[in-house]
Amino acid sequence: MRDAPFLLIGEGTSEIQKSIISKRLLDEYRM
């Protein structure tokens, strides 16, 4: 849920936000 404000702010850079979120999710699953 800590990424919620980032998503609201990153409307213009949705693609970049998606890439960052996907990387974070992958890192969490690897752990």
PDB file of N, CA and C in Angstrom:
ATOM      1  N   MET A   1       0.834  -1.211   0.000  1.00  0.00           N
ATOM      2  CA  MET A   1       0.000   0.000   0.000  1.00  0.00           C
ATOM      3  C   MET A   1       0.867   1.260   0.000  1.00  0.00           C
ATOM      4  N   ARG A   2       2.154   1.101   0.273  1.00  0.00           N
ATOM      5  CA  ARG A   2       3.040   2.271   0.333  1.00  0.00           C
ATOM      6  C   ARG A   2       3.259   2.867  -1.054  1.00  0.00           C
ATOM      7  N   ASP A   3       2.887   2.143  -2.124  1.00  0.00           N
ATOM      8  CA  ASP A   3       3.061   2.651  -3.488  1.00  0.00           C
ATOM      9  C   ASP A   3       1.839   3.446  -3.952  1.00  0.00           C
ATOM     10  N   ALA A   4       0.797   3.521  -3.116  1.00  0.00           N
ATOM     11  CA  ALA A   4      -0.432   4.210  -3.533  1.00  0.00           C
ATOM     12  C   ALA A   4      -0.183   5.676  -3.887  1.00  0.00           C
ATOM     13  N   PRO A   5       0.476   6.460  -3.030  1.00  0.00           N
ATOM     14  CA  PRO A   5       0.730   7.874  -3.379  1.00  0.00           C
ATOM     15  C   PRO A   5       1.575   8.009  -4.633  1.00  0.00           C
ATOM     16  N   PHE A   6       2.519   7.093  -4.822  1.00  0.00           N
ATOM     17  CA  PHE A   6       3.349   7.121  -6.029  1.00  0.00           C
ATOM     18  C   PHE A   6       2.485   6.975  -7.273  1.00  0.00           C
ATOM     19  N   LEU A   7       1.498   6.091  -7.207  1.00  0.00           N
ATOM     20  CA  LEU A   7       0.637   5.869  -8.369  1.00  0.00           C
ATOM     21  C   LEU A   7      -0.173   7.129  -8.672  1.00  0.00           C
ATOM     22  N   LEU A   8      -0.659   7.789  -7.613  1.00  0.00           N
ATOM     23  CA  LEU A   8      -1.462   8.995  -7.823  1.00  0.00           C
ATOM     24  C   LEU A   8      -0.616  10.098  -8.441  1.00  0.00           C
ATOM     25  N   ILE A   9       0.637  10.203  -8.003  1.00  0.00           N
ATOM     26  CA  ILE A   9       1.514  11.261  -8.516  1.00  0.00           C
ATOM     27  C   ILE A   9       2.003  10.911  -9.915  1.00  0.00           C
ATOM     28  N   GLY A  10       2.168   9.624 -10.203  1.00  0.00           N
ATOM     29  CA  GLY A  10       2.792   9.217 -11.458  1.00  0.00           C
ATOM     30  C   GLY A  10       1.809   8.944 -12.578  1.00  0.00           C
ATOM     31  N   GLU A  11       0.772   9.771 -12.693  1.00  0.00           N
ATOM     32  CA  GLU A  11      -0.178   9.560 -13.792  1.00  0.00           C
ATOM     33  C   GLU A  11       0.491   9.828 -15.135  1.00  0.00           C
ATOM     34  N   GLY A  12       1.344  10.847 -15.192  1.00  0.00           N
ATOM     35  CA  GLY A  12       2.000  11.196 -16.450  1.00  0.00           C
ATOM     36  C   GLY A  12       3.051  10.172 -16.841  1.00  0.00           C
ATOM     37  N   THR A  13       3.629   9.502 -15.835  1.00  0.00           N
ATOM     38  CA  THR A  13       4.686   8.527 -16.120  1.00  0.00           C
ATOM     39  C   THR A  13       4.209   7.137 -15.728  1.00  0.00           C
ATOM     40  N   SER A  14       3.031   6.767 -16.240  1.00  0.00           N
ATOM     41  CA  SER A  14       2.439   5.480 -15.871  1.00  0.00           C
ATOM     42  C   SER A  14       3.336   4.327 -16.303  1.00  0.00           C
ATOM     43  N   GLU A  15       3.962   4.455 -17.467  1.00  0.00           N
ATOM     44  CA  GLU A  15       4.811   3.362 -17.958  1.00  0.00           C
ATOM     45  C   GLU A  15       5.994   3.149 -17.021  1.00  0.00           C
ATOM     46  N   ILE A  16       6.622   4.252 -16.604  1.00  0.00           N
ATOM     47  CA  ILE A  16       7.771   4.139 -15.702  1.00  0.00           C
ATOM     48  C   ILE A  16       7.314   3.543 -14.373  1.00  0.00           C
ATOM     49  N   GLN A  17       6.168   4.016 -13.864  1.00  0.00           N
ATOM     50  CA  GLN A  17       5.663   3.501 -12.599  1.00  0.00           C
ATOM     51  C   GLN A  17       5.394   2.004 -12.707  1.00  0.00           C
ATOM     52  N   LYS A  18       4.812   1.576 -13.823  1.00  0.00           N
ATOM     53  CA  LYS A  18       4.525   0.145 -14.002  1.00  0.00           C
ATOM     54  C   LYS A  18       5.813  -0.663 -13.978  1.00  0.00           C
ATOM     55  N   SER A  19       6.849  -0.156 -14.631  1.00  0.00           N
ATOM     56  CA  SER A  19       8.126  -0.876 -14.668  1.00  0.00           C
ATOM     57  C   SER A  19       8.711  -0.971 -13.271  1.00  0.00           C
ATOM     58  N   ILE A  20       8.652   0.134 -12.509  1.00  0.00           N
ATOM     59  CA  ILE A  20       9.210   0.132 -11.153  1.00  0.00           C
ATOM     60  C   ILE A  20       8.422  -0.833 -10.273  1.00  0.00           C
ATOM     61  N   ILE A  21       7.097  -0.778 -10.364  1.00  0.00           N
ATOM     62  CA  ILE A  21       6.259  -1.651  -9.538  1.00  0.00           C
ATOM     63  C   ILE A  21       6.510  -3.109  -9.891  1.00  0.00           C
ATOM     64  N   SER A  22       6.621  -3.408 -11.178  1.00  0.00           N
ATOM     65  CA  SER A  22       6.858  -4.792 -11.598  1.00  0.00           C
ATOM     66  C   SER A  22       8.185  -5.284 -11.034  1.00  0.00           C
ATOM     67  N   LYS A  23       9.216  -4.431 -11.065  1.00  0.00           N
ATOM     68  CA  LYS A  23      10.515  -4.831 -10.513  1.00  0.00           C
ATOM     69  C   LYS A  23      10.395  -5.099  -9.022  1.00  0.00           C
ATOM     70  N   ARG A  24       9.664  -4.237  -8.302  1.00  0.00           N
ATOM     71  CA  ARG A  24       9.501  -4.430  -6.858  1.00  0.00           C
ATOM     72  C   ARG A  24       8.771  -5.736  -6.578  1.00  0.00           C
ATOM     73  N   LEU A  25       7.724  -6.014  -7.346  1.00  0.00           N
ATOM     74  CA  LEU A  25       6.977  -7.249  -7.139  1.00  0.00           C
ATOM     75  C   LEU A  25       7.873  -8.454  -7.377  1.00  0.00           C
ATOM     76  N   LEU A  26       8.683  -8.414  -8.433  1.00  0.00           N
ATOM     77  CA  LEU A  26       9.588  -9.524  -8.725  1.00  0.00           C
ATOM     78  C   LEU A  26      10.579  -9.707  -7.587  1.00  0.00           C
ATOM     79  N   ASP A  27      11.118  -8.607  -7.064  1.00  0.00           N
ATOM     80  CA  ASP A  27      12.076  -8.707  -5.963  1.00  0.00           C
ATOM     81  C   ASP A  27      11.414  -9.317  -4.735  1.00  0.00           C
ATOM     82  N   GLU A  28      10.170  -8.915  -4.446  1.00  0.00           N
ATOM     83  CA  GLU A  28       9.477  -9.450  -3.281  1.00  0.00           C
ATOM     84  C   GLU A  28       9.226 -10.945  -3.447  1.00  0.00           C
ATOM     85  N   TYR A  29       8.838 -11.370  -4.648  1.00  0.00           N
ATOM     86  CA  TYR A  29       8.576 -12.795  -4.871  1.00  0.00           C
ATOM     87  C   TYR A  29       9.865 -13.601  -4.780  1.00  0.00           C
ATOM     88  N   ARG A  30      10.987 -13.016  -5.219  1.00  0.00           N
ATOM     89  CA  ARG A  30      12.266 -13.727  -5.140  1.00  0.00           C
ATOM     90  C   ARG A  30      12.648 -13.981  -3.692  1.00  0.00           C
ATOM     91  N   MET A  31      12.356 -13.006  -2.820  1.00  0.00           N
ATOM     92  CA  MET A  31      12.667 -13.170  -1.404  1.00  0.00           C
ATOM     93  C   MET A  31      11.786 -14.269  -0.812  1.00  0.00           C
TER      94      MET A  31
END
